[in-house]
PDB file of N, CA and C in Angstrom:
ATOM      1  N   MET A   1     -24.266 -21.217   6.619  1.00  0.00           N
ATOM      2  CA  MET A   1     -23.499 -21.595   5.494  1.00  0.00           C
ATOM      3  C   MET A   1     -22.936 -22.919   5.588  1.00  0.00           C
ATOM      4  N   PRO A   2     -23.018 -23.617   4.517  1.00  0.00           N
ATOM      5  CA  PRO A   2     -22.565 -25.012   4.452  1.00  0.00           C
ATOM      6  C   PRO A   2     -21.040 -25.167   4.814  1.00  0.00           C
ATOM      7  N   GLU A   3     -20.672 -26.311   5.378  1.00  0.00           N
ATOM      8  CA  GLU A   3     -19.235 -26.579   5.752  1.00  0.00           C
ATOM      9  C   GLU A   3     -18.439 -26.743   4.465  1.00  0.00           C
ATOM     10  N   LYS A   4     -17.166 -26.062   4.408  1.00  0.00           N
ATOM     11  CA  LYS A   4     -16.343 -26.326   3.321  1.00  0.00           C
ATOM     12  C   LYS A   4     -15.839 -27.580   3.104  1.00  0.00           C
ATOM     13  N   THR A   5     -15.717 -28.036   1.702  1.00  0.00           N
ATOM     14  CA  THR A   5     -15.208 -29.345   1.446  1.00  0.00           C
ATOM     15  C   THR A   5     -13.705 -29.394   1.805  1.00  0.00           C
ATOM     16  N   VAL A   6     -13.336 -30.767   1.670  1.00  0.00           N
ATOM     17  CA  VAL A   6     -11.952 -30.922   1.874  1.00  0.00           C
ATOM     18  C   VAL A   6     -11.109 -30.297   0.798  1.00  0.00           C
ATOM     19  N   ALA A   7     -11.557 -30.307  -0.390  1.00  0.00           N
ATOM     20  CA  ALA A   7     -10.974 -29.647  -1.571  1.00  0.00           C
ATOM     21  C   ALA A   7     -10.928 -28.166  -1.403  1.00  0.00           C
ATOM     22  N   GLN A   8     -11.955 -27.510  -0.949  1.00  0.00           N
ATOM     23  CA  GLN A   8     -11.948 -26.079  -0.702  1.00  0.00           C
ATOM     24  C   GLN A   8     -11.119 -25.688   0.409  1.00  0.00           C
ATOM     25  N   LYS A   9     -10.997 -26.523   1.393  1.00  0.00           N
ATOM     26  CA  LYS A   9     -10.036 -26.214   2.522  1.00  0.00           C
ATOM     27  C   LYS A   9      -8.622 -26.284   2.163  1.00  0.00           C
ATOM     28  N   LYS A  10      -8.287 -27.326   1.230  1.00  0.00           N
ATOM     29  CA  LYS A  10      -6.955 -27.422   0.782  1.00  0.00           C
ATOM     30  C   LYS A  10      -6.566 -26.352  -0.303  1.00  0.00           C
ATOM     31  N   ALA A  11      -7.554 -25.968  -1.053  1.00  0.00           N
ATOM     32  CA  ALA A  11      -7.293 -24.784  -1.952  1.00  0.00           C
ATOM     33  C   ALA A  11      -7.027 -23.515  -1.215  1.00  0.00           C
ATOM     34  N   GLN A  12      -7.803 -23.297  -0.219  1.00  0.00           N
ATOM     35  CA  GLN A  12      -7.597 -22.005   0.565  1.00  0.00           C
ATOM     36  C   GLN A  12      -6.246 -22.166   1.223  1.00  0.00           C
ATOM     37  N   GLN A  13      -5.889 -23.246   1.837  1.00  0.00           N
ATOM     38  CA  GLN A  13      -4.606 -23.364   2.520  1.00  0.00           C
ATOM     39  C   GLN A  13      -3.528 -23.040   1.566  1.00  0.00           C
ATOM     40  N   LYS A  14      -3.486 -23.719   0.389  1.00  0.00           N
ATOM     41  CA  LYS A  14      -2.560 -23.482  -0.635  1.00  0.00           C
ATOM     42  C   LYS A  14      -2.449 -21.980  -1.050  1.00  0.00           C
ATOM     43  N   TYR A  15      -3.479 -21.309  -1.154  1.00  0.00           N
ATOM     44  CA  TYR A  15      -3.642 -19.978  -1.522  1.00  0.00           C
ATOM     45  C   TYR A  15      -2.933 -19.094  -0.367  1.00  0.00           C
ATOM     46  N   MET A  16      -3.319 -19.322   0.802  1.00  0.00           N
ATOM     47  CA  MET A  16      -2.711 -18.544   2.011  1.00  0.00           C
ATOM     48  C   MET A  16      -1.230 -18.791   2.158  1.00  0.00           C
ATOM     49  N   GLU A  17      -0.738 -19.852   1.708  1.00  0.00           N
ATOM     50  CA  GLU A  17       0.663 -20.096   1.907  1.00  0.00           C
ATOM     51  C   GLU A  17       1.574 -19.180   1.082  1.00  0.00           C
ATOM     52  N   LYS A  18       1.061 -18.491   0.132  1.00  0.00           N
ATOM     53  CA  LYS A  18       1.743 -17.571  -0.732  1.00  0.00           C
ATOM     54  C   LYS A  18       2.016 -16.170   0.063  1.00  0.00           C
ATOM     55  N   PHE A  19       1.393 -15.999   1.158  1.00  0.00           N
ATOM     56  CA  PHE A  19       1.540 -14.698   1.920  1.00  0.00           C
ATOM     57  C   PHE A  19       2.124 -14.854   3.277  1.00  0.00           C
ATOM     58  N   ALA A  20       2.766 -13.775   3.654  1.00  0.00           N
ATOM     59  CA  ALA A  20       3.269 -13.611   4.929  1.00  0.00           C
ATOM     60  C   ALA A  20       2.354 -12.599   5.724  1.00  0.00           C
ATOM     61  N   VAL A  21       2.223 -12.765   6.952  1.00  0.00           N
ATOM     62  CA  VAL A  21       1.479 -11.796   7.773  1.00  0.00           C
ATOM     63  C   VAL A  21       2.169 -10.965   8.539  1.00  0.00           C
ATOM     64  N   ALA A  22       2.005  -9.555   8.388  1.00  0.00           N
ATOM     65  CA  ALA A  22       2.477  -8.614   9.199  1.00  0.00           C
ATOM     66  C   ALA A  22       1.492  -7.899  10.026  1.00  0.00           C
ATOM     67  N   ARG A  23       1.771  -7.823  11.347  1.00  0.00           N
ATOM     68  CA  ARG A  23       0.690  -7.281  12.220  1.00  0.00           C
ATOM     69  C   ARG A  23       1.126  -5.696  12.415  1.00  0.00           C
ATOM     70  N   VAL A  24       0.200  -4.951  12.297  1.00  0.00           N
ATOM     71  CA  VAL A  24       0.384  -3.513  12.452  1.00  0.00           C
ATOM     72  C   VAL A  24      -0.512  -3.101  13.600  1.00  0.00           C
ATOM     73  N   ARG A  25       0.076  -2.303  14.590  1.00  0.00           N
ATOM     74  CA  ARG A  25      -0.727  -1.984  15.749  1.00  0.00           C
ATOM     75  C   ARG A  25      -0.786  -0.425  15.600  1.00  0.00           C
ATOM     76  N   MET A  26      -2.028   0.060  15.840  1.00  0.00           N
ATOM     77  CA  MET A  26      -2.372   1.419  15.796  1.00  0.00           C
ATOM     78  C   MET A  26      -3.573   1.564  16.749  1.00  0.00           C
ATOM     79  N   ASN A  27      -3.710   2.806  17.163  1.00  0.00           N
ATOM     80  CA  ASN A  27      -4.923   3.039  18.111  1.00  0.00           C
ATOM     81  C   ASN A  27      -6.158   3.031  17.313  1.00  0.00           C
ATOM     82  N   LYS A  28      -7.263   2.864  18.142  1.00  0.00           N
ATOM     83  CA  LYS A  28      -8.525   2.728  17.458  1.00  0.00           C
ATOM     84  C   LYS A  28      -8.859   3.865  16.416  1.00  0.00           C
ATOM     85  N   ASP A  29      -8.625   4.941  17.021  1.00  0.00           N
ATOM     86  CA  ASP A  29      -9.033   6.317  16.144  1.00  0.00           C
ATOM     87  C   ASP A  29      -8.371   6.195  14.890  1.00  0.00           C
ATOM     88  N   ARG A  30      -6.996   5.872  14.876  1.00  0.00           N
ATOM     89  CA  ARG A  30      -6.206   5.854  13.547  1.00  0.00           C
ATOM     90  C   ARG A  30      -6.716   4.785  12.751  1.00  0.00           C
ATOM     91  N   TYR A  31      -7.091   3.515  13.222  1.00  0.00           N
ATOM     92  CA  TYR A  31      -7.581   2.490  12.425  1.00  0.00           C
ATOM     93  C   TYR A  31      -8.982   2.878  11.755  1.00  0.00           C
ATOM     94  N   GLU A  32      -9.701   3.604  12.457  1.00  0.00           N
ATOM     95  CA  GLU A  32     -11.015   4.023  11.920  1.00  0.00           C
ATOM     96  C   GLU A  32     -10.788   4.981  10.779  1.00  0.00           C
ATOM     97  N   LEU A  33      -9.803   5.851  10.951  1.00  0.00           N
ATOM     98  CA  LEU A  33      -9.371   6.710   9.933  1.00  0.00           C
ATOM     99  C   LEU A  33      -8.999   6.084   8.660  1.00  0.00           C
ATOM    100  N   VAL A  34      -8.041   5.144   8.853  1.00  0.00           N
ATOM    101  CA  VAL A  34      -7.574   4.278   7.683  1.00  0.00           C
ATOM    102  C   VAL A  34      -8.641   3.669   7.081  1.00  0.00           C
ATOM    103  N   GLN A  35      -9.587   2.989   7.870  1.00  0.00           N
ATOM    104  CA  GLN A  35     -10.655   2.153   7.294  1.00  0.00           C
ATOM    105  C   GLN A  35     -11.520   3.099   6.541  1.00  0.00           C
ATOM    106  N   ALA A  36     -11.896   4.265   7.042  1.00  0.00           N
ATOM    107  CA  ALA A  36     -12.763   5.065   6.190  1.00  0.00           C
ATOM    108  C   ALA A  36     -12.155   5.652   5.070  1.00  0.00           C
ATOM    109  N   HIS A  37     -10.866   5.852   5.061  1.00  0.00           N
ATOM    110  CA  HIS A  37     -10.086   6.416   3.851  1.00  0.00           C
ATOM    111  C   HIS A  37     -10.079   5.290   2.895  1.00  0.00           C
ATOM    112  N   ALA A  38      -9.797   3.999   3.227  1.00  0.00           N
ATOM    113  CA  ALA A  38      -9.870   2.932   2.343  1.00  0.00           C
ATOM    114  C   ALA A  38     -11.180   2.673   1.630  1.00  0.00           C
ATOM    115  N   GLU A  39     -12.247   2.717   2.516  1.00  0.00           N
ATOM    116  CA  GLU A  39     -13.511   2.531   1.990  1.00  0.00           C
ATOM    117  C   GLU A  39     -14.037   3.585   0.973  1.00  0.00           C
ATOM    118  N   ALA A  40     -13.607   4.879   1.330  1.00  0.00           N
ATOM    119  CA  ALA A  40     -13.908   5.877   0.492  1.00  0.00           C
ATOM    120  C   ALA A  40     -13.272   5.683  -0.956  1.00  0.00           C
ATOM    121  N   ARG A  41     -12.102   5.097  -1.023  1.00  0.00           N
ATOM    122  CA  ARG A  41     -11.469   4.820  -2.254  1.00  0.00           C
ATOM    123  C   ARG A  41     -11.741   3.472  -2.919  1.00  0.00           C
ATOM    124  N   GLY A  42     -12.662   2.802  -2.260  1.00  0.00           N
ATOM    125  CA  GLY A  42     -13.162   1.498  -2.843  1.00  0.00           C
ATOM    126  C   GLY A  42     -12.165   0.267  -2.653  1.00  0.00           C
ATOM    127  N   GLU A  43     -11.424   0.455  -1.407  1.00  0.00           N
ATOM    128  CA  GLU A  43     -10.434  -0.721  -1.384  1.00  0.00           C
ATOM    129  C   GLU A  43     -10.476  -1.156   0.244  1.00  0.00           C
ATOM    130  N   SER A  44      -9.818  -2.306   0.289  1.00  0.00           N
ATOM    131  CA  SER A  44      -9.843  -2.768   1.716  1.00  0.00           C
ATOM    132  C   SER A  44      -8.733  -2.099   2.485  1.00  0.00           C
ATOM    133  N   VAL A  45      -8.636  -2.370   3.784  1.00  0.00           N
ATOM    134  CA  VAL A  45      -7.570  -1.757   4.684  1.00  0.00           C
ATOM    135  C   VAL A  45      -6.170  -2.371   4.177  1.00  0.00           C
ATOM    136  N   ASN A  46      -6.344  -3.645   3.880  1.00  0.00           N
ATOM    137  CA  ASN A  46      -5.086  -4.379   3.485  1.00  0.00           C
ATOM    138  C   ASN A  46      -4.581  -3.785   2.220  1.00  0.00           C
ATOM    139  N   GLY A  47      -5.555  -3.567   1.261  1.00  0.00           N
ATOM    140  CA  GLY A  47      -5.082  -2.977   0.066  1.00  0.00           C
ATOM    141  C   GLY A  47      -4.546  -1.637   0.170  1.00  0.00           C
ATOM    142  N   PHE A  48      -5.198  -0.787   1.010  1.00  0.00           N
ATOM    143  CA  PHE A  48      -4.590   0.501   1.117  1.00  0.00           C
ATOM    144  C   PHE A  48      -3.262   0.483   1.840  1.00  0.00           C
ATOM    145  N   ILE A  49      -3.044  -0.348   2.845  1.00  0.00           N
ATOM    146  CA  ILE A  49      -1.699  -0.383   3.470  1.00  0.00           C
ATOM    147  C   ILE A  49      -0.727  -0.885   2.536  1.00  0.00           C
ATOM    148  N   ASN A  50      -0.966  -1.808   1.747  1.00  0.00           N
ATOM    149  CA  ASN A  50       0.038  -2.336   0.659  1.00  0.00           C
ATOM    150  C   ASN A  50       0.238  -1.307  -0.350  1.00  0.00           C
ATOM    151  N   ARG A  51      -0.794  -0.521  -0.817  1.00  0.00           N
ATOM    152  CA  ARG A  51      -0.558   0.583  -1.744  1.00  0.00           C
ATOM    153  C   ARG A  51       0.374   1.719  -1.015  1.00  0.00           C
ATOM    154  N   ALA A  52       0.051   2.036   0.271  1.00  0.00           N
ATOM    155  CA  ALA A  52       0.858   2.906   0.935  1.00  0.00           C
ATOM    156  C   ALA A  52       2.348   2.568   1.004  1.00  0.00           C
ATOM    157  N   ILE A  53       2.561   1.329   1.362  1.00  0.00           N
ATOM    158  CA  ILE A  53       3.979   0.756   1.417  1.00  0.00           C
ATOM    159  C   ILE A  53       4.631   0.827   0.036  1.00  0.00           C
ATOM    160  N   ASP A  54       3.875   0.439  -1.158  1.00  0.00           N
ATOM    161  CA  ASP A  54       4.386   0.506  -2.504  1.00  0.00           C
ATOM    162  C   ASP A  54       4.756   1.978  -2.808  1.00  0.00           C
ATOM    163  N   ASN A  55       3.907   2.902  -2.421  1.00  0.00           N
ATOM    164  CA  ASN A  55       4.260   4.313  -2.757  1.00  0.00           C
ATOM    165  C   ASN A  55       5.412   4.880  -1.950  1.00  0.00           C
ATOM    166  N   GLN A  56       5.577   4.426  -0.731  1.00  0.00           N
ATOM    167  CA  GLN A  56       6.782   4.916   0.133  1.00  0.00           C
ATOM    168  C   GLN A  56       8.012   4.354  -0.481  1.00  0.00           C
ATOM    169  N   ILE A  57       8.033   3.097  -0.750  1.00  0.00           N
ATOM    170  CA  ILE A  57       9.217   2.370  -1.312  1.00  0.00           C
ATOM    171  C   ILE A  57       9.546   3.216  -2.655  1.00  0.00           C
ATOM    172  N   SER A  58       8.693   3.407  -3.502  1.00  0.00           N
ATOM    173  CA  SER A  58       8.917   4.064  -4.725  1.00  0.00           C
ATOM    174  C   SER A  58       9.542   5.538  -4.549  1.00  0.00           C
ATOM    175  N   GLN A  59       8.978   6.260  -3.609  1.00  0.00           N
ATOM    176  CA  GLN A  59       9.363   7.548  -3.150  1.00  0.00           C
ATOM    177  C   GLN A  59      10.783   7.565  -2.635  1.00  0.00           C
ATOM    178  N   ASP A  60      11.203   6.485  -1.867  1.00  0.00           N
ATOM    179  CA  ASP A  60      12.423   6.319  -1.158  1.00  0.00           C
ATOM    180  C   ASP A  60      13.471   6.060  -2.336  1.00  0.00           C
ATOM    181  N   ARG A  61      13.121   5.095  -3.197  1.00  0.00           N
ATOM    182  CA  ARG A  61      13.964   4.728  -4.370  1.00  0.00           C
ATOM    183  C   ARG A  61      14.317   5.972  -5.250  1.00  0.00           C
ATOM    184  N   ARG A  62      13.377   6.879  -5.486  1.00  0.00           N
ATOM    185  CA  ARG A  62      13.652   8.038  -6.221  1.00  0.00           C
ATOM    186  C   ARG A  62      14.663   9.015  -5.511  1.00  0.00           C
ATOM    187  N   LYS A  63      14.777   8.837  -4.256  1.00  0.00           N
ATOM    188  CA  LYS A  63      15.775   9.754  -3.499  1.00  0.00           C
ATOM    189  C   LYS A  63      17.253   9.206  -3.684  1.00  0.00           C
ATOM    190  N   GLY A  64      17.481   7.949  -4.129  1.00  0.00           N
ATOM    191  CA  GLY A  64      18.808   7.528  -4.490  1.00  0.00           C
ATOM    192  C   GLY A  64      19.114   6.474  -3.528  1.00  0.00           C
ATOM    193  N   PRO A  65      20.202   5.718  -3.876  1.00  0.00           N
ATOM    194  CA  PRO A  65      20.712   4.433  -3.142  1.00  0.00           C
ATOM    195  C   PRO A  65      21.042   4.812  -1.699  1.00  0.00           C
ATOM    196  N   SER A  66      21.573   6.020  -1.432  1.00  0.00           N
ATOM    197  CA  SER A  66      22.193   6.398  -0.076  1.00  0.00           C
ATOM    198  C   SER A  66      20.775   6.403   0.856  1.00  0.00           C
ATOM    199  N   GLU A  67      19.614   6.649   0.310  1.00  0.00           N
ATOM    200  CA  GLU A  67      18.552   6.825   1.218  1.00  0.00           C
ATOM    201  C   GLU A  67      17.493   5.624   1.122  1.00  0.00           C
ATOM    202  N   ALA A  68      17.770   4.664   0.295  1.00  0.00           N
ATOM    203  CA  ALA A  68      16.692   3.606   0.115  1.00  0.00           C
ATOM    204  C   ALA A  68      17.388   2.263  -0.342  1.00  0.00           C
ATOM    205  N   ALA A  69      16.906   1.266   0.007  1.00  0.00           N
ATOM    206  CA  ALA A  69      17.529  -0.031  -0.334  1.00  0.00           C
ATOM    207  C   ALA A  69      16.970  -0.327  -1.688  1.00  0.00           C
ATOM    208  N   GLN A  70      17.762  -0.974  -2.623  1.00  0.00           N
ATOM    209  CA  GLN A  70      17.487  -1.139  -4.047  1.00  0.00           C
ATOM    210  C   GLN A  70      17.017  -2.514  -4.370  1.00  0.00           C
ATOM    211  N   ALA A  71      16.708  -3.367  -3.375  1.00  0.00           N
ATOM    212  CA  ALA A  71      16.198  -4.708  -3.683  1.00  0.00           C
ATOM    213  C   ALA A  71      14.803  -4.547  -4.529  1.00  0.00           C
ATOM    214  N   PRO A  72      14.705  -5.497  -5.378  1.00  0.00           N
ATOM    215  CA  PRO A  72      13.440  -5.274  -6.178  1.00  0.00           C
ATOM    216  C   PRO A  72      12.117  -5.741  -5.307  1.00  0.00           C
ATOM    217  N   LEU A  73      11.130  -4.963  -5.766  1.00  0.00           N
ATOM    218  CA  LEU A  73       9.852  -5.295  -5.125  1.00  0.00           C
ATOM    219  C   LEU A  73       9.452  -6.638  -5.555  1.00  0.00           C
ATOM    220  N   GLU A  74       8.720  -7.357  -4.623  1.00  0.00           N
ATOM    221  CA  GLU A  74       8.206  -8.685  -5.110  1.00  0.00           C
ATOM    222  C   GLU A  74       6.806  -8.540  -5.861  1.00  0.00           C
ATOM    223  N   ARG A  75       6.136  -7.373  -5.590  1.00  0.00           N
ATOM    224  CA  ARG A  75       4.935  -7.167  -6.353  1.00  0.00           C
ATOM    225  C   ARG A  75       5.246  -6.429  -7.620  1.00  0.00           C
ATOM    226  N   GLU A  76       4.470  -6.730  -8.537  1.00  0.00           N
ATOM    227  CA  GLU A  76       4.738  -6.237  -9.911  1.00  0.00           C
ATOM    228  C   GLU A  76       4.386  -4.763  -9.931  1.00  0.00           C
ATOM    229  N   LYS A  77       3.299  -4.323  -9.315  1.00  0.00           N
ATOM    230  CA  LYS A  77       2.918  -2.951  -9.447  1.00  0.00           C
ATOM    231  C   LYS A  77       3.368  -2.057  -8.440  1.00  0.00           C
ATOM    232  N   VAL A  78       3.948  -0.860  -8.836  1.00  0.00           N
ATOM    233  CA  VAL A  78       4.415   0.192  -7.990  1.00  0.00           C
ATOM    234  C   VAL A  78       3.521   1.339  -8.356  1.00  0.00           C
ATOM    235  N   TYR A  79       2.846   1.812  -7.315  1.00  0.00           N
ATOM    236  CA  TYR A  79       1.987   3.075  -7.608  1.00  0.00           C
ATOM    237  C   TYR A  79       2.655   4.280  -7.395  1.00  0.00           C
ATOM    238  N   LEU A  80       2.625   5.131  -8.398  1.00  0.00           N
ATOM    239  CA  LEU A  80       3.313   6.418  -8.225  1.00  0.00           C
ATOM    240  C   LEU A  80       2.290   7.449  -8.009  1.00  0.00           C
ATOM    241  N   PRO A  81       2.781   8.575  -7.441  1.00  0.00           N
ATOM    242  CA  PRO A  81       1.654   9.622  -7.170  1.00  0.00           C
ATOM    243  C   PRO A  81       1.036  10.166  -8.564  1.00  0.00           C
ATOM    244  N   SER A  82      -0.141  10.315  -8.576  1.00  0.00           N
ATOM    245  CA  SER A  82      -0.838  10.921  -9.696  1.00  0.00           C
ATOM    246  C   SER A  82      -0.510  12.497  -9.811  1.00  0.00           C
ATOM    247  N   GLU A  83      -0.718  13.083 -10.960  1.00  0.00           N
ATOM    248  CA  GLU A  83      -0.524  14.430 -11.185  1.00  0.00           C
ATOM    249  C   GLU A  83      -1.186  15.339 -10.062  1.00  0.00           C
ATOM    250  N   ARG A  84      -2.460  14.897  -9.692  1.00  0.00           N
ATOM    251  CA  ARG A  84      -3.316  15.635  -8.836  1.00  0.00           C
ATOM    252  C   ARG A  84      -2.620  15.447  -7.395  1.00  0.00           C
ATOM    253  N   GLU A  85      -2.067  14.272  -7.001  1.00  0.00           N
ATOM    254  CA  GLU A  85      -1.446  14.185  -5.754  1.00  0.00           C
ATOM    255  C   GLU A  85      -0.181  15.096  -5.718  1.00  0.00           C
ATOM    256  N   LYS A  86       0.618  14.991  -6.880  1.00  0.00           N
ATOM    257  CA  LYS A  86       1.760  15.862  -6.852  1.00  0.00           C
ATOM    258  C   LYS A  86       1.419  17.395  -6.684  1.00  0.00           C
ATOM    259  N   GLY A  87       0.392  17.755  -7.282  1.00  0.00           N
ATOM    260  CA  GLY A  87      -0.166  19.103  -7.221  1.00  0.00           C
ATOM    261  C   GLY A  87      -0.531  19.531  -5.816  1.00  0.00           C
ATOM    262  N   GLN A  88      -1.233  18.465  -5.125  1.00  0.00           N
ATOM    263  CA  GLN A  88      -1.586  18.647  -3.695  1.00  0.00           C
ATOM    264  C   GLN A  88      -0.351  18.859  -2.819  1.00  0.00           C
ATOM    265  N   GLU A  89       0.590  18.068  -3.176  1.00  0.00           N
ATOM    266  CA  GLU A  89       1.790  18.094  -2.291  1.00  0.00           C
ATOM    267  C   GLU A  89       2.490  19.398  -2.476  1.00  0.00           C
ATOM    268  N   THR A  90       2.482  19.873  -3.685  1.00  0.00           N
ATOM    269  CA  THR A  90       3.206  21.191  -4.017  1.00  0.00           C
ATOM    270  C   THR A  90       2.442  22.303  -3.282  1.00  0.00           C
ATOM    271  N   ALA A  91       1.062  22.105  -3.277  1.00  0.00           N
ATOM    272  CA  ALA A  91       0.269  23.218  -2.805  1.00  0.00           C
ATOM    273  C   ALA A  91       0.490  23.265  -1.266  1.00  0.00           C
ATOM    274  N   GLN A  92       0.558  22.047  -0.606  1.00  0.00           N
ATOM    275  CA  GLN A  92       0.820  21.879   0.826  1.00  0.00           C
ATOM    276  C   GLN A  92       2.226  22.463   1.307  1.00  0.00           C
ATOM    277  N   ASN A  93       3.226  22.107   0.451  1.00  0.00           N
ATOM    278  CA  ASN A  93       4.561  22.526   0.730  1.00  0.00           C
ATOM    279  C   ASN A  93       4.835  23.898   0.308  1.00  0.00           C
ATOM    280  N   GLY A  94       4.004  24.566  -0.528  1.00  0.00           N
ATOM    281  CA  GLY A  94       4.471  25.852  -1.076  1.00  0.00           C
ATOM    282  C   GLY A  94       5.573  25.808  -2.034  1.00  0.00           C
ATOM    283  N   VAL A  95       5.742  24.692  -2.533  1.00  0.00           N
ATOM    284  CA  VAL A  95       7.060  24.643  -3.461  1.00  0.00           C
ATOM    285  C   VAL A  95       6.417  24.420  -4.976  1.00  0.00           C
ATOM    286  N   THR A  96       7.044  25.291  -5.854  1.00  0.00           N
ATOM    287  CA  THR A  96       6.740  25.246  -7.234  1.00  0.00           C
ATOM    288  C   THR A  96       7.595  24.258  -7.844  1.00  0.00           C
ATOM    289  N   ALA A  97       7.118  23.582  -8.966  1.00  0.00           N
ATOM    290  CA  ALA A  97       7.891  22.696  -9.615  1.00  0.00           C
ATOM    291  C   ALA A  97       8.747  23.464 -10.642  1.00  0.00           C
ATOM    292  N   LYS A  98      10.016  22.824 -10.910  1.00  0.00           N
ATOM    293  CA  LYS A  98      10.971  23.604 -11.809  1.00  0.00           C
ATOM    294  C   LYS A  98      10.497  23.241 -13.338  1.00  0.00           C
ATOM    295  N   GLU A  99      10.568  24.097 -14.208  1.00  0.00           N
ATOM    296  CA  GLU A  99      10.479  23.832 -15.444  1.00  0.00           C
ATOM    297  C   GLU A  99      11.766  23.484 -16.197  1.00  0.00           C
ATOM    298  N   ASP A 100      11.802  22.544 -17.009  1.00  0.00           N
ATOM    299  CA  ASP A 100      13.105  22.155 -17.728  1.00  0.00           C
ATOM    300  C   ASP A 100      13.260  22.922 -18.901  1.00  0.00           C
TER     301      ASP A 100
END
């Protein structure tokens, strides 16, 4: 592969300055599980971890201010559980949803 040009290197550096790096440690078996799950959903490990974080923050916020920080998310998208995921959670917990 040819060497990157000075302009390409500068553009990449500027792009990378937008991000902070958080290292996550897990055992190899867990990483392989995360990697396989992410690939099955057509996303990267990084994308999956960011989605998981967004989901947890959303879930914590629904619990109320006593249980979750209320600072705004820097990312625009917050992924909420799908109806299918809600149904799976209900089935796993044996809890039925209340009708209004």
